[in-house]
N, C-alpha and C. Protein backbone atom coordinates (compact mmCIF):
# COMPACT_ATOMS: atom_id res chain seq x y z
N MET A 1 1.33 9.93 2.45
CA MET A 1 -0.05 8.92 2.01
C MET A 1 -1.05 8.33 2.97
N ASN A 2 -0.31 7.37 3.89
CA ASN A 2 -0.97 7.39 5.27
C ASN A 2 -1.92 8.58 5.30
N LYS A 3 -1.38 9.32 5.53
CA LYS A 3 -2.67 10.99 6.12
C LYS A 3 -3.20 11.36 5.42
N GLU A 4 -3.16 11.43 3.57
CA GLU A 4 -4.17 11.47 2.70
C GLU A 4 -4.68 10.38 3.25
N ILE A 5 -4.61 9.45 3.48
CA ILE A 5 -6.13 7.98 3.21
C ILE A 5 -6.74 8.41 4.30
N ASP A 6 -6.40 8.74 5.81
CA ASP A 6 -6.80 8.97 6.81
C ASP A 6 -7.86 10.11 6.95
N ASP A 7 -7.14 11.28 6.42
CA ASP A 7 -8.28 12.62 6.41
C ASP A 7 -9.11 12.17 5.51
N LEU A 8 -8.98 10.88 4.46
CA LEU A 8 -10.51 10.79 3.37
C LEU A 8 -11.25 10.26 4.55
N ARG A 9 -10.41 9.38 5.17
CA ARG A 9 -11.40 7.94 5.52
C ARG A 9 -12.29 9.33 7.02
N ASP A 10 -11.82 10.15 8.05
CA ASP A 10 -12.03 11.19 8.51
C ASP A 10 -13.23 11.77 7.75
N ALA A 11 -13.23 12.47 6.53
CA ALA A 11 -13.56 13.26 6.17
C ALA A 11 -15.36 12.09 5.45
N LEU A 12 -15.16 10.88 5.09
CA LEU A 12 -16.15 10.48 5.35
C LEU A 12 -16.89 9.77 5.67
N ARG A 13 -15.98 9.25 7.44
CA ARG A 13 -16.60 9.46 8.85
C ARG A 13 -18.09 10.33 9.12
N ALA A 14 -17.34 11.48 8.47
CA ALA A 14 -18.11 12.75 9.24
C ALA A 14 -19.52 13.02 8.49
N THR A 15 -19.73 12.03 7.61
CA THR A 15 -20.61 12.12 6.22
C THR A 15 -21.57 11.43 7.08
N ALA A 16 -21.23 10.51 7.67
CA ALA A 16 -21.67 8.89 7.70
C ALA A 16 -23.49 9.73 8.88
N THR A 17 -24.27 8.78 8.90
CA THR A 17 -25.57 9.22 9.42
C THR A 17 -25.62 8.46 10.78
N SER A 18 -25.19 7.72 10.55
CA SER A 18 -25.12 6.62 11.69
C SER A 18 -23.59 6.85 12.88
N ASP A 19 -24.17 6.59 13.79
CA ASP A 19 -23.44 7.29 14.75
C ASP A 19 -22.41 6.18 14.96
N LEU A 20 -22.13 4.81 15.10
CA LEU A 20 -21.11 4.00 14.92
C LEU A 20 -20.29 4.04 14.15
N ALA A 21 -20.39 4.40 12.75
CA ALA A 21 -19.70 4.63 11.77
C ALA A 21 -18.69 5.83 12.13
N ARG A 22 -19.05 6.97 12.98
CA ARG A 22 -18.24 7.98 13.52
C ARG A 22 -17.39 7.48 14.58
N LYS A 23 -17.89 6.51 15.14
CA LYS A 23 -17.72 5.80 16.42
C LYS A 23 -16.20 5.78 16.62
N VAL A 24 -15.08 5.85 17.35
CA VAL A 24 -13.83 5.36 17.57
C VAL A 24 -13.89 4.89 19.12
N VAL A 25 -13.64 3.86 19.05
CA VAL A 25 -13.31 2.61 19.85
C VAL A 25 -11.51 2.56 20.46
N THR A 26 -11.70 2.79 21.75
CA THR A 26 -10.36 2.96 22.61
C THR A 26 -9.81 1.66 23.66
N GLN A 27 -8.63 1.17 23.50
CA GLN A 27 -8.68 0.23 24.53
C GLN A 27 -6.92 0.48 24.92
N GLU A 28 -7.15 0.22 26.26
CA GLU A 28 -5.33 0.32 26.83
C GLU A 28 -5.41 -0.51 27.07
N ARG A 29 -3.96 -1.31 27.08
CA ARG A 29 -3.90 -2.58 28.00
C ARG A 29 -2.77 -2.65 28.63
N GLU A 30 -2.40 -3.82 29.76
CA GLU A 30 -1.63 -4.11 30.02
C GLU A 30 -0.36 -4.03 29.37
N GLY A 31 0.95 -3.15 29.91
CA GLY A 31 2.09 -3.00 29.58
C GLY A 31 2.23 -1.12 28.72
N GLY A 32 1.37 -0.94 28.80
CA GLY A 32 0.76 0.75 27.83
C GLY A 32 0.75 0.32 26.67
N ILE A 33 -0.33 -0.12 25.95
CA ILE A 33 -0.34 -0.44 24.72
C ILE A 33 -2.36 -0.63 24.58
N HIS A 34 -1.97 1.07 23.84
CA HIS A 34 -2.85 1.46 23.16
C HIS A 34 -3.42 1.19 21.92
N LEU A 35 -4.70 0.77 22.11
CA LEU A 35 -5.61 0.35 20.58
C LEU A 35 -6.79 1.13 20.26
N SER A 36 -6.85 1.22 18.79
CA SER A 36 -8.34 1.90 18.37
C SER A 36 -8.89 1.12 17.78
N GLY A 37 -10.53 1.02 17.91
CA GLY A 37 -11.03 0.50 16.82
C GLY A 37 -12.11 0.87 16.09
N GLU A 38 -12.24 0.69 14.77
CA GLU A 38 -13.43 1.66 14.35
C GLU A 38 -13.89 1.33 12.79
N VAL A 39 -15.34 1.26 12.43
CA VAL A 39 -15.76 -0.05 11.28
C VAL A 39 -15.24 1.16 10.49
N SER A 40 -14.72 0.03 9.43
CA SER A 40 -14.15 0.35 8.39
C SER A 40 -15.27 1.07 7.44
N PRO A 41 -15.01 2.43 6.43
CA PRO A 41 -16.24 2.73 5.97
C PRO A 41 -16.59 2.36 4.62
N CYS A 42 -15.82 0.97 4.10
CA CYS A 42 -17.00 -0.13 3.61
C CYS A 42 -18.03 -0.64 3.57
N VAL A 43 -18.59 -0.87 5.08
CA VAL A 43 -18.97 -1.40 6.48
C VAL A 43 -20.60 -0.63 5.60
N TRP A 44 -20.65 0.66 6.19
CA TRP A 44 -21.61 1.32 6.22
C TRP A 44 -22.09 2.31 4.20
N MET A 45 -20.71 2.42 3.58
CA MET A 45 -20.87 2.90 2.57
C MET A 45 -21.86 2.04 1.50
N TYR A 46 -21.19 0.37 1.87
CA TYR A 46 -21.26 -0.17 0.74
C TYR A 46 -21.87 -1.70 1.11
N ASN A 47 -22.40 -1.66 2.09
CA ASN A 47 -23.31 -2.72 2.82
C ASN A 47 -21.98 -4.02 3.24
N SER A 48 -20.72 -3.50 3.11
CA SER A 48 -20.00 -4.87 3.34
C SER A 48 -19.95 -5.87 4.21
N PRO A 49 -19.36 -7.34 4.08
CA PRO A 49 -19.07 -7.74 5.33
C PRO A 49 -19.01 -6.91 7.04
N PHE A 50 -19.05 -6.74 7.69
CA PHE A 50 -19.22 -5.93 9.47
C PHE A 50 -17.31 -6.94 9.18
N GLN A 51 -16.27 -5.19 9.40
CA GLN A 51 -15.19 -5.28 9.44
C GLN A 51 -15.39 -3.66 10.02
N ILE A 52 -13.55 -3.80 11.20
CA ILE A 52 -13.51 -3.08 11.46
C ILE A 52 -11.41 -2.79 11.53
N LYS A 53 -11.27 -1.30 11.65
CA LYS A 53 -9.88 -1.15 11.48
C LYS A 53 -9.23 -1.01 12.93
N VAL A 54 -8.38 -2.12 13.21
CA VAL A 54 -8.00 -1.81 14.81
C VAL A 54 -6.35 -0.83 14.38
N THR A 55 -6.44 -0.25 14.92
CA THR A 55 -4.78 0.93 14.86
C THR A 55 -3.58 0.51 16.13
N LEU A 56 -2.96 0.57 16.07
CA LEU A 56 -2.01 -0.07 17.40
C LEU A 56 -1.09 1.55 17.58
N ALA A 57 -0.96 1.72 18.50
CA ALA A 57 -0.66 3.45 19.37
C ALA A 57 1.24 3.19 18.48
N GLY A 58 1.45 4.01 18.05
CA GLY A 58 3.04 3.36 17.73
C GLY A 58 3.34 3.18 16.57
N GLY A 59 2.33 2.73 15.62
CA GLY A 59 2.38 2.14 14.26
C GLY A 59 1.81 1.07 14.02
N GLY A 60 0.88 0.56 12.99
CA GLY A 60 0.99 -0.36 12.32
C GLY A 60 -1.27 -0.08 12.44
N HIS A 61 -1.86 -0.75 11.31
CA HIS A 61 -3.22 -1.17 11.60
C HIS A 61 -3.36 -2.86 11.36
N CYS A 62 -4.64 -3.00 11.75
CA CYS A 62 -4.94 -4.24 10.60
C CYS A 62 -6.23 -4.36 10.80
N HIS A 63 -7.20 -5.36 10.06
CA HIS A 63 -8.65 -5.34 9.69
C HIS A 63 -9.14 -6.64 10.55
N LEU A 64 -10.14 -6.73 10.76
CA LEU A 64 -10.63 -7.68 11.29
C LEU A 64 -12.51 -7.71 11.05
N ILE A 65 -12.87 -9.08 10.88
CA ILE A 65 -14.27 -9.32 9.59
C ILE A 65 -14.78 -9.73 10.53
N ASP A 66 -16.48 -9.90 11.32
CA ASP A 66 -17.06 -10.62 11.51
C ASP A 66 -18.30 -10.96 9.92
N LYS A 67 -18.74 -11.95 9.48
CA LYS A 67 -19.76 -11.44 8.79
C LYS A 67 -21.50 -12.15 9.73
N SER A 68 -20.73 -12.46 10.38
CA SER A 68 -21.81 -12.90 11.72
C SER A 68 -23.34 -11.37 12.04
N ILE A 69 -22.14 -10.41 11.87
CA ILE A 69 -22.76 -8.75 12.12
C ILE A 69 -23.35 -8.48 10.92
N GLN A 70 -24.58 -7.56 11.53
CA GLN A 70 -25.33 -6.39 10.03
C GLN A 70 -24.90 -5.11 10.95
N PHE A 71 -24.06 -4.18 10.10
CA PHE A 71 -24.36 -3.18 10.44
C PHE A 71 -25.57 -2.65 10.85
N LEU A 72 -26.21 -2.75 10.70
CA LEU A 72 -28.09 -2.21 10.85
C LEU A 72 -28.11 -2.54 12.36
N THR A 73 -27.18 -3.84 13.05
CA THR A 73 -27.71 -4.48 13.99
C THR A 73 -26.74 -4.08 15.58
N ALA A 74 -25.35 -3.23 14.62
CA ALA A 74 -24.19 -3.54 15.15
C ALA A 74 -24.01 -2.44 16.42
N THR A 75 -23.12 -2.97 17.34
CA THR A 75 -23.22 -2.07 18.27
C THR A 75 -21.34 -1.58 18.86
N THR A 76 -21.15 -1.09 19.72
CA THR A 76 -20.08 -0.82 20.35
C THR A 76 -19.42 -1.50 21.17
N LYS A 77 -20.04 -2.65 21.26
CA LYS A 77 -20.02 -3.88 22.04
C LYS A 77 -19.14 -4.25 20.57
N ASP A 78 -19.98 -4.91 19.78
CA ASP A 78 -19.24 -5.79 18.27
C ASP A 78 -18.05 -5.11 18.43
N ILE A 79 -17.27 -3.82 18.00
CA ILE A 79 -16.27 -3.24 18.02
C ILE A 79 -15.26 -3.92 18.87
N GLU A 80 -16.07 -3.17 20.42
CA GLU A 80 -15.61 -4.14 21.25
C GLU A 80 -14.38 -6.00 21.49
N ALA A 81 -15.84 -6.64 21.18
CA ALA A 81 -15.52 -7.80 21.12
C ALA A 81 -14.83 -8.04 20.21
N LEU A 82 -14.67 -8.33 18.83
CA LEU A 82 -13.40 -8.26 17.88
C LEU A 82 -12.08 -7.59 18.17
N MET A 83 -11.52 -6.27 19.16
CA MET A 83 -10.64 -5.55 18.98
C MET A 83 -10.10 -6.88 19.83
N SER A 84 -10.78 -8.04 21.28
CA SER A 84 -10.27 -8.08 21.84
C SER A 84 -9.76 -9.54 21.66
N LYS A 85 -10.08 -10.12 20.27
CA LYS A 85 -9.21 -11.16 19.35
C LYS A 85 -7.78 -11.30 19.52
N VAL A 86 -7.75 -9.75 19.06
CA VAL A 86 -6.24 -8.72 18.70
C VAL A 86 -5.24 -8.90 19.83
N GLN A 87 -4.40 -10.15 19.69
CA GLN A 87 -3.28 -10.44 20.56
C GLN A 87 -1.95 -9.04 20.07
N ILE A 88 -1.45 -8.74 21.23
CA ILE A 88 0.38 -7.81 20.80
C ILE A 88 1.35 -9.02 21.45
N LYS A 89 2.44 -8.84 21.04
CA LYS A 89 3.75 -9.81 21.47
C LYS A 89 4.93 -8.72 21.30
N ALA A 90 6.06 -8.70 21.32
CA ALA A 90 7.51 -7.95 20.86
C ALA A 90 7.66 -8.30 19.45
N CYS A 91 7.86 -6.99 18.96
CA CYS A 91 8.27 -7.22 17.88
C CYS A 91 9.77 -8.23 18.30
N SER A 92 9.92 -9.18 16.99
CA SER A 92 11.13 -9.96 16.77
C SER A 92 12.22 -9.27 16.16
N HIS A 93 12.50 -8.19 15.56
CA HIS A 93 13.33 -7.22 15.56
C HIS A 93 13.90 -6.25 16.99
N CYS A 94 12.75 -5.45 17.58
CA CYS A 94 13.29 -4.64 18.78
C CYS A 94 12.51 -4.96 19.68
N GLY A 95 11.51 -5.27 19.78
CA GLY A 95 10.79 -5.51 21.05
C GLY A 95 9.94 -4.71 21.32
N ALA A 96 9.37 -3.90 20.38
CA ALA A 96 8.61 -3.11 20.59
C ALA A 96 7.06 -3.40 20.33
N HIS A 97 6.14 -2.71 20.55
CA HIS A 97 4.80 -3.55 20.54
C HIS A 97 4.40 -3.81 19.20
N ALA A 98 3.99 -5.20 18.69
CA ALA A 98 4.14 -5.63 17.21
C ALA A 98 2.25 -6.59 17.28
N PHE A 99 1.90 -6.65 16.71
CA PHE A 99 0.88 -7.63 16.45
C PHE A 99 1.00 -8.56 16.03
N ASP A 100 0.16 -9.63 17.09
CA ASP A 100 0.57 -11.32 17.16
C ASP A 100 0.51 -11.97 15.99
N PRO A 101 1.51 -12.43 14.69
CA PRO A 101 0.32 -12.69 13.34
C PRO A 101 -0.28 -14.36 14.11
N GLU A 102 -0.69 -14.42 14.80
CA GLU A 102 -1.10 -15.78 15.15
C GLU A 102 -2.36 -15.24 15.14
N THR A 103 -3.12 -14.50 16.10
CA THR A 103 -4.43 -13.51 16.23
C THR A 103 -5.32 -12.99 15.65
N VAL A 104 -4.15 -11.96 14.48
CA VAL A 104 -4.78 -11.35 12.96
C VAL A 104 -4.05 -11.15 11.97
N ASP A 105 -4.79 -11.34 10.94
CA ASP A 105 -3.99 -11.61 9.84
C ASP A 105 -3.41 -10.59 9.36
N THR A 106 -1.72 -9.94 9.11
CA THR A 106 -0.91 -9.32 9.08
C THR A 106 -0.08 -9.58 8.00
N ASN A 107 0.42 -8.99 6.90
CA ASN A 107 1.64 -9.19 6.51
C ASN A 107 3.12 -8.31 6.86
N ARG A 108 2.81 -8.54 8.62
CA ARG A 108 3.91 -7.99 8.97
C ARG A 108 5.10 -9.00 9.46
N ALA A 109 4.38 -10.14 9.59
CA ALA A 109 4.86 -11.76 10.59
C ALA A 109 5.60 -10.82 12.03
N GLY A 110 4.76 -10.41 12.69
CA GLY A 110 5.45 -10.64 14.00
C GLY A 110 6.37 -8.66 13.96
N LEU A 111 6.47 -8.30 13.59
CA LEU A 111 7.08 -7.42 13.13
C LEU A 111 6.40 -5.62 13.98
N CYS A 112 7.03 -5.04 14.27
CA CYS A 112 6.40 -3.79 14.54
C CYS A 112 6.37 -2.69 13.23
N GLU A 113 5.67 -2.01 12.79
CA GLU A 113 5.39 -1.14 11.70
C GLU A 113 6.87 -0.95 11.63
N PRO A 114 7.83 0.33 12.31
CA PRO A 114 8.98 0.76 12.22
C PRO A 114 9.47 -0.19 11.39
N CYS A 115 10.14 -1.33 12.03
CA CYS A 115 11.04 -2.42 11.86
C CYS A 115 10.71 -3.10 10.18
N PHE A 116 9.24 -3.30 10.30
CA PHE A 116 8.55 -3.78 8.96
C PHE A 116 9.17 -2.69 7.74
N MET A 117 8.58 -2.23 7.78
CA MET A 117 9.28 -1.24 6.91
C MET A 117 10.21 -0.36 6.89
N ALA A 118 11.25 -0.68 7.56
CA ALA A 118 12.73 -0.93 7.38
C ALA A 118 13.49 -1.75 6.58
N ASP A 119 13.00 -3.05 7.09
CA ASP A 119 12.75 -4.38 6.42
C ASP A 119 12.58 -4.13 4.60
N LEU A 120 11.17 -3.38 4.64
CA LEU A 120 10.81 -3.10 3.52
C LEU A 120 11.67 -2.08 2.32
N ASN A 121 12.29 -1.33 3.43
CA ASN A 121 12.80 -0.25 2.10
C ASN A 121 13.96 -0.72 2.39
N SER A 122 14.92 -1.68 2.92
CA SER A 122 16.04 -2.44 3.19
C SER A 122 16.26 -3.16 1.76
N THR A 123 14.97 -4.20 1.77
CA THR A 123 15.08 -4.88 0.61
C THR A 123 14.17 -4.31 -1.29
N TYR A 124 14.04 -2.80 -1.01
CA TYR A 124 13.59 -2.33 -1.69
C TYR A 124 15.08 -1.50 -2.06
N GLN A 125 15.88 -0.77 -1.39
CA GLN A 125 16.74 -0.58 -1.74
C GLN A 125 17.87 -1.55 -2.69
N LYS A 126 18.32 -2.51 -2.18
CA LYS A 126 18.96 -3.57 -1.96
C LYS A 126 18.35 -4.10 -4.18
N GLU A 127 17.10 -4.02 -4.48
CA GLU A 127 16.57 -4.88 -5.67
C GLU A 127 17.00 -3.31 -6.70
N LYS A 128 16.19 -1.90 -6.62
CA LYS A 128 17.25 -0.70 -6.66
C LYS A 128 18.29 -0.74 -7.29
N ALA A 129 19.01 -1.32 -6.46
CA ALA A 129 20.28 -0.92 -6.58
C ALA A 129 20.92 -1.82 -8.08
N LYS A 130 20.61 -2.99 -8.06
CA LYS A 130 20.94 -3.72 -8.72
C LYS A 130 19.78 -3.66 -10.04
N ASP A 131 18.88 -2.98 -10.08
CA ASP A 131 18.29 -3.01 -11.77
C ASP A 131 19.24 -1.74 -11.74
N ASP A 132 19.17 -0.93 -11.02
CA ASP A 132 20.52 0.24 -11.43
C ASP A 132 21.69 0.11 -11.93
N ARG A 133 22.21 -0.81 -11.62
CA ARG A 133 23.62 -1.44 -12.41
C ARG A 133 23.36 -2.26 -13.60
N ARG A 134 22.06 -2.90 -13.44
CA ARG A 134 22.11 -3.57 -14.58
C ARG A 134 21.30 -1.99 -16.32
N ILE A 135 20.62 -1.45 -15.51
CA ILE A 135 20.22 0.00 -16.67
C ILE A 135 21.51 0.46 -17.50
N GLU A 136 22.58 0.76 -16.32
CA GLU A 136 23.77 1.10 -16.40
C GLU A 136 24.70 0.38 -17.89
N ARG A 137 24.81 -1.06 -17.21
CA ARG A 137 24.96 -1.94 -18.06
C ARG A 137 24.42 -1.73 -19.39
N LEU A 138 23.20 -1.93 -19.32
CA LEU A 138 22.46 -1.73 -21.21
C LEU A 138 22.93 -0.34 -21.55
N ASN A 139 22.83 0.54 -20.58
CA ASN A 139 22.74 1.95 -21.36
C ASN A 139 24.34 2.16 -22.15
N ALA A 140 25.34 1.38 -21.67
CA ALA A 140 26.49 1.59 -22.06
C ALA A 140 27.29 0.60 -23.27
N ARG A 141 25.88 -0.25 -23.19
CA ARG A 141 25.96 -1.00 -24.52
C ARG A 141 25.40 -0.38 -25.65
N TYR A 142 24.06 0.05 -25.28
CA TYR A 142 23.42 1.38 -26.48
C TYR A 142 24.34 2.67 -26.63
N LYS A 143 24.89 2.81 -26.53
CA LYS A 143 25.27 3.80 -26.20
C LYS A 143 27.06 3.73 -27.25
N ALA A 144 27.22 2.60 -26.92
CA ALA A 144 28.48 2.16 -28.16
C ALA A 144 28.17 1.86 -29.31
N LYS A 145 26.96 1.44 -29.24
CA LYS A 145 25.96 1.43 -30.63
C LYS A 145 25.65 2.93 -31.00
N GLY A 146 25.98 3.81 -30.42
CA GLY A 146 25.42 4.91 -31.31
C GLY A 146 23.81 5.49 -30.38
N TYR A 147 23.12 5.22 -29.98
CA TYR A 147 21.96 5.62 -29.63
C TYR A 147 22.54 6.15 -28.57
N THR A 148 21.34 7.42 -28.29
CA THR A 148 21.86 8.42 -27.14
C THR A 148 20.74 9.12 -26.57
N HIS A 149 19.39 8.14 -26.32
CA HIS A 149 18.75 8.21 -25.28
C HIS A 149 17.69 6.94 -24.88
N ARG A 150 17.28 6.83 -23.80
CA ARG A 150 16.64 5.74 -23.23
C ARG A 150 15.02 6.32 -23.06
N VAL A 151 14.21 5.76 -23.18
CA VAL A 151 12.16 5.99 -22.65
C VAL A 151 12.18 4.58 -21.94
N ASP A 152 11.44 5.15 -20.76
CA ASP A 152 11.23 4.24 -19.98
C ASP A 152 9.68 4.83 -19.98
N ALA A 153 9.06 3.28 -20.03
CA ALA A 153 7.33 3.54 -20.01
C ALA A 153 6.56 2.70 -19.69
N TRP A 154 5.67 2.99 -18.71
CA TRP A 154 4.79 1.76 -18.66
C TRP A 154 3.40 1.46 -19.20
N VAL A 155 3.17 0.53 -20.32
CA VAL A 155 2.53 0.11 -21.22
C VAL A 155 1.29 -0.54 -20.01
N HIS A 156 -0.12 0.01 -20.62
CA HIS A 156 -0.99 -0.26 -20.17
C HIS A 156 -2.28 -0.57 -21.03
N ALA A 157 -2.14 -2.29 -21.10
CA ALA A 157 -2.96 -2.62 -22.03
C ALA A 157 -3.77 -3.63 -21.08
N GLY A 158 -4.64 -3.14 -20.51
CA GLY A 158 -5.64 -3.75 -20.43
C GLY A 158 -5.67 -5.06 -19.02
N GLY A 159 -4.81 -5.20 -19.22
CA GLY A 159 -4.50 -6.33 -18.19
C GLY A 159 -3.11 -5.66 -16.81
N ASP A 160 -2.13 -6.58 -16.86
CA ASP A 160 -1.27 -6.61 -16.02
C ASP A 160 -0.48 -5.10 -16.47
N ASP A 161 0.18 -4.35 -16.34
CA ASP A 161 0.70 -2.87 -16.68
C ASP A 161 2.30 -3.96 -16.46
N LYS A 162 2.73 -3.46 -17.46
CA LYS A 162 3.90 -3.54 -17.56
C LYS A 162 5.14 -2.61 -17.64
N GLN A 163 6.35 -2.81 -17.05
CA GLN A 163 7.34 -0.83 -17.80
C GLN A 163 8.20 -2.34 -18.91
N VAL A 164 8.54 -0.85 -19.60
CA VAL A 164 9.60 -1.15 -20.77
C VAL A 164 10.26 -0.37 -20.89
N SER A 165 11.34 -0.55 -21.22
CA SER A 165 12.60 0.20 -21.84
C SER A 165 12.81 0.30 -23.25
N PHE A 166 13.19 1.81 -24.32
CA PHE A 166 13.50 1.53 -25.73
C PHE A 166 14.51 2.24 -25.96
N TYR A 167 15.41 2.36 -27.03
CA TYR A 167 16.67 3.28 -27.10
C TYR A 167 16.30 3.90 -28.15
N PHE A 168 16.75 4.97 -28.72
CA PHE A 168 16.60 5.58 -30.11
C PHE A 168 18.03 6.43 -29.91
N LYS A 169 18.06 6.65 -31.32
CA LYS A 169 19.55 7.38 -31.79
C LYS A 169 19.60 8.95 -32.10
N ALA A 170 18.79 9.35 -31.77
CA ALA A 170 18.93 10.58 -31.27
C ALA A 170 17.10 10.98 -30.64
N GLU A 171 16.91 12.02 -30.46
CA GLU A 171 16.22 12.80 -29.10
C GLU A 171 14.79 12.29 -29.35
N PRO A 172 13.89 11.71 -28.61
CA PRO A 172 12.99 11.19 -29.65
C PRO A 172 11.53 12.22 -29.15
N THR A 173 10.47 11.78 -30.01
CA THR A 173 9.51 12.91 -30.80
C THR A 173 8.61 12.47 -29.91
N LYS A 174 7.72 12.86 -29.31
CA LYS A 174 6.49 12.37 -28.59
C LYS A 174 6.13 11.46 -29.42
N ASP A 175 5.68 12.04 -30.77
CA ASP A 175 4.99 10.78 -31.76
C ASP A 175 5.90 9.62 -32.29
N ALA A 176 7.34 9.75 -31.72
CA ALA A 176 7.70 8.19 -32.30
C ALA A 176 7.77 7.55 -30.98
N ILE A 177 7.37 8.09 -29.93
CA ILE A 177 7.28 7.19 -28.57
C ILE A 177 5.74 6.69 -28.48
N THR A 178 4.69 7.98 -28.68
CA THR A 178 3.36 7.60 -29.21
C THR A 178 3.42 6.21 -30.06
N ARG A 179 3.87 6.10 -31.38
CA ARG A 179 4.51 4.96 -31.90
C ARG A 179 4.89 3.85 -31.63
N GLU A 180 5.39 4.01 -30.47
CA GLU A 180 6.35 2.16 -30.10
C GLU A 180 5.13 2.31 -28.26
N LEU A 181 4.18 2.94 -28.06
CA LEU A 181 3.84 2.35 -27.04
C LEU A 181 2.41 1.87 -27.95
N THR A 182 2.26 2.65 -28.49
CA THR A 182 0.77 2.17 -29.69
C THR A 182 1.17 0.51 -30.11
N LYS A 183 2.16 0.45 -30.65
CA LYS A 183 2.64 -1.00 -31.36
C LYS A 183 2.74 -2.14 -30.26
N LEU A 184 2.70 -1.43 -28.53
CA LEU A 184 3.42 -2.75 -27.30
C LEU A 184 1.51 -2.77 -27.06
N GLY A 185 0.61 -1.96 -27.46
CA GLY A 185 -0.89 -2.13 -27.02
C GLY A 185 -1.31 -1.48 -26.30
N SER A 186 -0.46 -0.42 -25.44
CA SER A 186 -0.88 0.36 -24.49
C SER A 186 -2.09 1.22 -24.99
N ARG A 187 -3.09 1.38 -24.15
CA ARG A 187 -4.03 2.36 -24.35
C ARG A 187 -3.65 3.81 -23.94
N VAL A 188 -2.43 4.04 -22.79
CA VAL A 188 -1.71 5.17 -22.66
C VAL A 188 -0.78 5.10 -22.51
N LEU A 189 -0.82 6.49 -23.30
CA LEU A 189 0.17 7.08 -24.37
C LEU A 189 1.23 7.93 -23.80
N ASP A 190 0.64 8.09 -22.46
CA ASP A 190 1.87 8.99 -22.35
C ASP A 190 2.52 9.09 -20.84
N ASP A 191 2.60 7.83 -20.41
CA ASP A 191 2.92 7.69 -18.91
C ASP A 191 4.79 6.82 -19.43
N TYR A 192 5.56 7.66 -19.54
CA TYR A 192 6.95 7.58 -19.69
C TYR A 192 8.04 8.43 -19.57
N SER A 193 9.40 8.64 -19.35
CA SER A 193 10.19 9.52 -18.80
C SER A 193 11.67 9.61 -19.93
N VAL A 194 12.05 10.35 -20.42
CA VAL A 194 12.88 9.84 -21.27
C VAL A 194 14.50 10.61 -20.88
N HIS A 195 15.29 9.63 -21.14
CA HIS A 195 16.99 9.66 -20.47
C HIS A 195 17.93 10.16 -21.23
N ALA A 196 18.74 10.91 -21.75
CA ALA A 196 19.53 11.21 -22.76
C ALA A 196 20.97 9.91 -21.33
N LEU A 197 21.63 9.07 -22.88
CA LEU A 197 22.50 8.51 -22.38
C LEU A 197 23.77 9.63 -22.22
């Protein structure tokens, strides 16, 4: 997913008419720290406040904004000045390079990207296992009552989307599923999966 986003950003940058929009500034710091900074596409595409994306070699990135800078008058020095605000510290888990949350706003809490992703995946796996056990209990309860299929669907009602499950005593038809989703107010009627019990 990140590669696709990076490829799109690179393609957008290639179409930019400004040299600054295509510029990538690199910094090498003491301790083998390598950073690169670039103007975020939203700045030159939509005239947003001046924002740069700073990428840390080894994984992870952050964004910094300076509303006092105008893109039309910005220079490489402005990118460098924003980058200089970023400090790097040792990851609290493994000691690798990580963004210092005291100097840049990230949701990584001082962890390097691999440790943050490992923690996130671990939390996800625990929650998924708990949810899988809940679904197994529900499936067993409904199966004992004669139901044969479960439909997991997303209800897109124009606000917050929500996931629902409903059970059928025979293999459900598309029309039956569509009726259920319509009753729930979904505007999208094909975002579901059918599971035999």
